[in-house]
Each structure stands twice: as C-alpha cells, then as structure tokens.
C-alpha cells in the first residue's frame, strides 16, 4: 500500500509538473510571439524611417548637385553673352570645382584673345588712317606739279605749229 501510495503521489507529482511545464511552455511561446511581433513592428517602423531619410538625403544631394550645375551653366551663359570679366566660384576641389576652374581659365584665354584682337583692330585702323593721310598728302603733292605740267602741255599744244611736237604735247596731256 505504501508503494501504491508513493506511486500515486509520484504520478500526481509528474502530472502536476507536466501541467506546470505545459503552462510555462505556453507562456514562453506567447512571450516569443509577442516579442517577434514587437520586433517586426519596430523593424518596419525603423525601415520606413530609414527609407524616408535616404529619400530626403537623395533629394538634398540632387538639389545640391543640380544647383552647382545650374550655377556653372549660368556662368557660361554670362560669358557667352559678353560678360568676359565674369568668373565662376571655385568652392571645392572636386570634379565640379575643377570644371569651374577650367572654365575660368578658358574665359581668361577668351578674354585675352578678344583683347589681342581689339588691339590688332585698333592698330589696323591706325595704320589705315596713316595710309589714308599719306595718300592724301602724296596725292596733293603730286597733283599740284601735275596740274602745272598739264597746263603747260595744253598751252604748248595750242601754241605749237609743228604737228609732231603738238602730238608730243597731246601725249603729255593724255598721260597726265
């Protein structure tokens, strides 16, 4: 009887422990499920926030780069429109800064070329004016004696009686 009572008590204890373990297992499974749900929710929220941050950074970078490209384009347009003294701002040492520096050097070369061209045009105009003055002066200096020669040739042609000599005087007049 003592052994049967002990076996019954041991059986009862095993059943109680099995029920307790089952209850603990259910609590652990429920806790794991709740933790997984909370973790999934937190991951979803953090993922959405990260995506929004990445989009905001991408938009900011795009605007930053677009603004720099637009500034370069506006500068090129100003130079093309004739503002040869305009220079782009070189704010960095990256590719955009190097491009701005190259465009500034090109604008310097264009401005220098225009200055040389303007100087050459001015010198050509001065030379042309000197030539015109020289021709006017020489023309005057040649015309005065030539008019005298032509006048004397005409007088000779009218006064000479020898036809050969008169013909010489006519040739002088025609040549003049």
C-alpha atoms as a PDB file:
ATOM      1  CA  UNK A   1       0.000   0.000   0.000  1.00  0.00           C
ATOM      2  CA  UNK A   2       2.836   2.346   0.802  1.00  0.00           C
ATOM      3  CA  UNK A   3       4.339   1.659  -2.607  1.00  0.00           C
ATOM      4  CA  UNK A   4       0.997   2.216  -4.333  1.00  0.00           C
ATOM      5  CA  UNK A   5       0.513   5.465  -2.416  1.00  0.00           C
ATOM      6  CA  UNK A   6       4.038   6.514  -3.348  1.00  0.00           C
ATOM      7  CA  UNK A   7       3.423   5.593  -6.997  1.00  0.00           C
ATOM      8  CA  UNK A   8       0.154   7.538  -7.000  1.00  0.00           C
ATOM      9  CA  UNK A   9       1.821  10.538  -5.403  1.00  0.00           C
ATOM     10  CA  UNK A  10       4.713  10.315  -7.848  1.00  0.00           C
ATOM     11  CA  UNK A  11       2.213  10.030 -10.726  1.00  0.00           C
ATOM     12  CA  UNK A  12       0.320  13.046  -9.380  1.00  0.00           C
ATOM     13  CA  UNK A  13       3.558  14.975  -8.994  1.00  0.00           C
ATOM     14  CA  UNK A  14       4.547  14.075 -12.566  1.00  0.00           C
ATOM     15  CA  UNK A  15       1.113  15.170 -13.827  1.00  0.00           C
ATOM     16  CA  UNK A  16       1.388  18.439 -11.850  1.00  0.00           C
ATOM     17  CA  UNK A  17       4.897  19.058 -13.173  1.00  0.00           C
ATOM     18  CA  UNK A  18       3.774  18.227 -16.745  1.00  0.00           C
ATOM     19  CA  UNK A  19       0.848  20.704 -16.377  1.00  0.00           C
ATOM     20  CA  UNK A  20       3.234  23.300 -14.918  1.00  0.00           C
ATOM     21  CA  UNK A  21       5.745  22.710 -17.740  1.00  0.00           C
ATOM     22  CA  UNK A  22       2.955  22.926 -20.334  1.00  0.00           C
ATOM     23  CA  UNK A  23       1.770  26.215 -18.789  1.00  0.00           C
ATOM     24  CA  UNK A  24       5.337  27.563 -18.760  1.00  0.00           C
ATOM     25  CA  UNK A  25       5.855  26.411 -22.360  1.00  0.00           C
ATOM     26  CA  UNK A  26       2.663  28.225 -23.430  1.00  0.00           C
ATOM     27  CA  UNK A  27       3.798  31.376 -21.615  1.00  0.00           C
ATOM     28  CA  UNK A  28       7.227  31.172 -23.284  1.00  0.00           C
ATOM     29  CA  UNK A  29       5.662  30.591 -26.741  1.00  0.00           C
ATOM     30  CA  UNK A  30       3.266  33.527 -26.167  1.00  0.00           C
ATOM     31  CA  UNK A  31       6.148  35.691 -24.978  1.00  0.00           C
ATOM     32  CA  UNK A  32       8.244  34.725 -28.017  1.00  0.00           C
ATOM     33  CA  UNK A  33       5.278  35.504 -30.306  1.00  0.00           C
ATOM     34  CA  UNK A  34       4.748  38.901 -28.655  1.00  0.00           C
ATOM     35  CA  UNK A  35       8.478  39.675 -28.885  1.00  0.00           C
ATOM     36  CA  UNK A  36       8.541  38.661 -32.549  1.00  0.00           C
ATOM     37  CA  UNK A  37       5.509  40.845 -33.305  1.00  0.00           C
ATOM     38  CA  UNK A  38       7.005  43.816 -31.457  1.00  0.00           C
ATOM     39  CA  UNK A  39      10.378  43.294 -33.174  1.00  0.00           C
ATOM     40  CA  UNK A  40       8.699  43.046 -36.595  1.00  0.00           C
ATOM     41  CA  UNK A  41       6.755  46.255 -35.898  1.00  0.00           C
ATOM     42  CA  UNK A  42       9.885  48.062 -34.719  1.00  0.00           C
ATOM     43  CA  UNK A  43      11.817  46.842 -37.767  1.00  0.00           C
ATOM     44  CA  UNK A  44       9.023  48.007 -40.075  1.00  0.00           C
ATOM     45  CA  UNK A  45       8.898  51.439 -38.461  1.00  0.00           C
ATOM     46  CA  UNK A  46      12.694  51.810 -38.489  1.00  0.00           C
ATOM     47  CA  UNK A  47      12.848  50.614 -42.123  1.00  0.00           C
ATOM     48  CA  UNK A  48      10.203  53.154 -43.166  1.00  0.00           C
ATOM     49  CA  UNK A  49      12.074  55.891 -41.283  1.00  0.00           C
ATOM     50  CA  UNK A  50      15.372  54.888 -42.900  1.00  0.00           C
ATOM     51  CA  UNK A  51      13.775  54.870 -46.352  1.00  0.00           C
ATOM     52  CA  UNK A  52      12.408  58.378 -45.704  1.00  0.00           C
ATOM     53  CA  UNK A  53      15.833  59.550 -44.507  1.00  0.00           C
ATOM     54  CA  UNK A  54      17.516  58.042 -47.587  1.00  0.00           C
ATOM     55  CA  UNK A  55      14.964  59.728 -49.874  1.00  0.00           C
ATOM     56  CA  UNK A  56      15.483  63.069 -48.118  1.00  0.00           C
ATOM     57  CA  UNK A  57      19.279  62.752 -48.422  1.00  0.00           C
ATOM     58  CA  UNK A  58      18.978  61.786 -52.107  1.00  0.00           C
ATOM     59  CA  UNK A  59      16.761  64.810 -52.796  1.00  0.00           C
ATOM     60  CA  UNK A  60      19.186  67.089 -50.923  1.00  0.00           C
ATOM     61  CA  UNK A  61      22.191  65.724 -52.833  1.00  0.00           C
ATOM     62  CA  UNK A  62      20.335  66.007 -56.147  1.00  0.00           C
ATOM     63  CA  UNK A  63      19.439  69.636 -55.414  1.00  0.00           C
ATOM     64  CA  UNK A  64      22.999  70.355 -54.298  1.00  0.00           C
ATOM     65  CA  UNK A  65      24.490  68.911 -57.480  1.00  0.00           C
ATOM     66  CA  UNK A  66      21.788  70.460 -59.665  1.00  0.00           C
ATOM     67  CA  UNK A  67      22.402  73.872 -58.083  1.00  0.00           C
ATOM     68  CA  UNK A  68      26.126  73.614 -58.796  1.00  0.00           C
ATOM     69  CA  UNK A  69      25.488  72.559 -62.403  1.00  0.00           C
ATOM     70  CA  UNK A  70      22.970  75.377 -62.796  1.00  0.00           C
ATOM     71  CA  UNK A  71      25.492  77.880 -61.397  1.00  0.00           C
ATOM     72  CA  UNK A  72      28.095  76.683 -63.904  1.00  0.00           C
ATOM     73  CA  UNK A  73      25.584  76.873 -66.749  1.00  0.00           C
ATOM     74  CA  UNK A  74      24.519  80.405 -65.717  1.00  0.00           C
ATOM     75  CA  UNK A  75      28.172  81.468 -65.620  1.00  0.00           C
ATOM     76  CA  UNK A  76      28.798  80.053 -69.081  1.00  0.00           C
ATOM     77  CA  UNK A  77      25.748  81.925 -70.385  1.00  0.00           C
ATOM     78  CA  UNK A  78      27.005  85.196 -68.849  1.00  0.00           C
ATOM     79  CA  UNK A  79      30.394  84.738 -70.502  1.00  0.00           C
ATOM     80  CA  UNK A  80      28.741  83.789 -73.800  1.00  0.00           C
ATOM     81  CA  UNK A  81      26.563  86.912 -73.595  1.00  0.00           C
ATOM     82  CA  UNK A  82      29.697  89.069 -73.462  1.00  0.00           C
ATOM     83  CA  UNK A  83      30.459  89.450 -69.745  1.00  0.00           C
ATOM     84  CA  UNK A  84      34.068  88.354 -70.279  1.00  0.00           C
ATOM     85  CA  UNK A  85      35.105  89.521 -66.810  1.00  0.00           C
ATOM     86  CA  UNK A  86      32.760  87.085 -65.035  1.00  0.00           C
ATOM     87  CA  UNK A  87      34.394  84.122 -63.305  1.00  0.00           C
ATOM     88  CA  UNK A  88      32.792  81.076 -61.694  1.00  0.00           C
ATOM     89  CA  UNK A  89      33.228  80.477 -57.967  1.00  0.00           C
ATOM     90  CA  UNK A  90      35.558  77.571 -57.236  1.00  0.00           C
ATOM     91  CA  UNK A  91      34.250  76.427 -53.849  1.00  0.00           C
ATOM     92  CA  UNK A  92      35.687  72.917 -53.763  1.00  0.00           C
ATOM     93  CA  UNK A  93      38.423  70.723 -55.155  1.00  0.00           C
ATOM     94  CA  UNK A  94      36.092  68.031 -56.503  1.00  0.00           C
ATOM     95  CA  UNK A  95      35.139  67.486 -60.152  1.00  0.00           C
ATOM     96  CA  UNK A  96      32.714  70.435 -60.135  1.00  0.00           C
ATOM     97  CA  UNK A  97      35.393  72.713 -58.685  1.00  0.00           C
ATOM     98  CA  UNK A  98      37.894  71.513 -61.283  1.00  0.00           C
ATOM     99  CA  UNK A  99      35.325  72.120 -64.031  1.00  0.00           C
ATOM    100  CA  UNK A 100      34.724  75.657 -62.722  1.00  0.00           C
ATOM    101  CA  UNK A 101      38.471  76.293 -62.661  1.00  0.00           C
ATOM    102  CA  UNK A 102      38.862  75.002 -66.216  1.00  0.00           C
ATOM    103  CA  UNK A 103      36.010  77.202 -67.416  1.00  0.00           C
ATOM    104  CA  UNK A 104      37.597  80.201 -65.674  1.00  0.00           C
ATOM    105  CA  UNK A 105      40.912  79.508 -67.417  1.00  0.00           C
ATOM    106  CA  UNK A 106      39.066  79.209 -70.720  1.00  0.00           C
ATOM    107  CA  UNK A 107      37.303  82.544 -70.048  1.00  0.00           C
ATOM    108  CA  UNK A 108      40.710  84.105 -69.289  1.00  0.00           C
ATOM    109  CA  UNK A 109      42.035  82.828 -72.623  1.00  0.00           C
ATOM    110  CA  UNK A 110      38.953  84.091 -74.483  1.00  0.00           C
ATOM    111  CA  UNK A 111      39.198  87.490 -72.794  1.00  0.00           C
ATOM    112  CA  UNK A 112      42.898  87.701 -73.636  1.00  0.00           C
ATOM    113  CA  UNK A 113      42.162  86.675 -77.230  1.00  0.00           C
ATOM    114  CA  UNK A 114      39.495  89.374 -77.536  1.00  0.00           C
ATOM    115  CA  UNK A 115      41.896  91.936 -76.072  1.00  0.00           C
ATOM    116  CA  UNK A 116      44.586  90.942 -78.587  1.00  0.00           C
ATOM    117  CA  UNK A 117      42.017  91.062 -81.391  1.00  0.00           C
ATOM    118  CA  UNK A 118      40.827  94.501 -80.281  1.00  0.00           C
ATOM    119  CA  UNK A 119      44.408  95.733 -80.086  1.00  0.00           C
ATOM    120  CA  UNK A 120      45.128  94.375 -83.574  1.00  0.00           C
ATOM    121  CA  UNK A 121      41.944  96.024 -84.904  1.00  0.00           C
ATOM    122  CA  UNK A 122      42.931  99.334 -83.315  1.00  0.00           C
ATOM    123  CA  UNK A 123      46.447  99.120 -84.774  1.00  0.00           C
ATOM    124  CA  UNK A 124      44.998  98.221 -88.209  1.00  0.00           C
ATOM    125  CA  UNK A 125      42.682 101.242 -88.042  1.00  0.00           C
ATOM    126  CA  UNK A 126      45.626 103.466 -87.084  1.00  0.00           C
ATOM    127  CA  UNK A 127      47.680 102.048 -89.969  1.00  0.00           C
ATOM    128  CA  UNK A 128      44.752 102.550 -92.340  1.00  0.00           C
ATOM    129  CA  UNK A 129      44.396 106.172 -91.186  1.00  0.00           C
ATOM    130  CA  UNK A 130      48.141 106.738 -91.651  1.00  0.00           C
ATOM    131  CA  UNK A 131      47.888 105.236 -95.138  1.00  0.00           C
ATOM    132  CA  UNK A 132      44.915 107.457 -95.962  1.00  0.00           C
ATOM    133  CA  UNK A 133      46.761 110.534 -94.656  1.00  0.00           C
ATOM    134  CA  UNK A 134      49.853 109.565 -96.623  1.00  0.00           C
ATOM    135  CA  UNK A 135      47.894 109.035 -99.833  1.00  0.00           C
ATOM    136  CA  UNK A 136      46.037 112.327 -99.366  1.00  0.00           C
ATOM    137  CA  UNK A 137      49.309 114.147 -98.772  1.00  0.00           C
ATOM    138  CA  UNK A 138      51.108 112.473-101.679  1.00  0.00           C
ATOM    139  CA  UNK A 139      48.083 112.994-103.908  1.00  0.00           C
ATOM    140  CA  UNK A 140      48.150 116.689-103.115  1.00  0.00           C
ATOM    141  CA  UNK A 141      51.907 116.849-103.632  1.00  0.00           C
ATOM    142  CA  UNK A 142      51.608 115.057-106.991  1.00  0.00           C
ATOM    143  CA  UNK A 143      48.514 116.898-108.172  1.00  0.00           C
ATOM    144  CA  UNK A 144      49.989 120.395-107.847  1.00  0.00           C
ATOM    145  CA  UNK A 145      53.008 119.842-110.154  1.00  0.00           C
ATOM    146  CA  UNK A 146      50.953 117.588-112.437  1.00  0.00           C
ATOM    147  CA  UNK A 147      48.389 120.353-112.915  1.00  0.00           C
ATOM    148  CA  UNK A 148      51.244 122.662-113.866  1.00  0.00           C
ATOM    149  CA  UNK A 149      52.612 120.112-116.342  1.00  0.00           C
ATOM    150  CA  UNK A 150      49.157 119.538-117.848  1.00  0.00           C
ATOM    151  CA  UNK A 151      48.569 123.280-118.120  1.00  0.00           C
ATOM    152  CA  UNK A 152      51.896 123.812-119.892  1.00  0.00           C
ATOM    153  CA  UNK A 153      51.195 120.816-122.158  1.00  0.00           C
ATOM    154  CA  UNK A 154      47.846 122.357-123.126  1.00  0.00           C
ATOM    155  CA  UNK A 155      49.473 125.740-123.804  1.00  0.00           C
ATOM    156  CA  UNK A 156      52.164 124.030-125.895  1.00  0.00           C
ATOM    157  CA  UNK A 157      49.547 122.073-127.812  1.00  0.00           C
ATOM    158  CA  UNK A 158      47.697 125.306-128.618  1.00  0.00           C
ATOM    159  CA  UNK A 159      50.756 127.370-129.482  1.00  0.00           C
ATOM    160  CA  UNK A 160      52.978 124.882-131.290  1.00  0.00           C
ATOM    161  CA  UNK A 161      52.761 124.783-135.043  1.00  0.00           C
ATOM    162  CA  UNK A 162      54.771 121.628-135.693  1.00  0.00           C
ATOM    163  CA  UNK A 163      52.322 118.667-135.750  1.00  0.00           C
ATOM    164  CA  UNK A 164      54.852 116.212-134.291  1.00  0.00           C
ATOM    165  CA  UNK A 165      55.622 118.477-131.363  1.00  0.00           C
ATOM    166  CA  UNK A 166      51.917 119.203-130.905  1.00  0.00           C
ATOM    167  CA  UNK A 167      51.333 115.424-130.793  1.00  0.00           C
ATOM    168  CA  UNK A 168      54.001 115.130-128.067  1.00  0.00           C
ATOM    169  CA  UNK A 169      52.194 117.808-126.071  1.00  0.00           C
ATOM    170  CA  UNK A 170      48.861 115.922-126.576  1.00  0.00           C
ATOM    171  CA  UNK A 171      50.504 112.702-125.340  1.00  0.00           C
ATOM    172  CA  UNK A 172      51.740 114.548-122.233  1.00  0.00           C
ATOM    173  CA  UNK A 173      48.154 115.781-121.626  1.00  0.00           C
ATOM    174  CA  UNK A 174      46.622 112.314-122.117  1.00  0.00           C
ATOM    175  CA  UNK A 175      49.234 110.646-119.917  1.00  0.00           C
ATOM    176  CA  UNK A 176      48.622 113.220-117.182  1.00  0.00           C
END
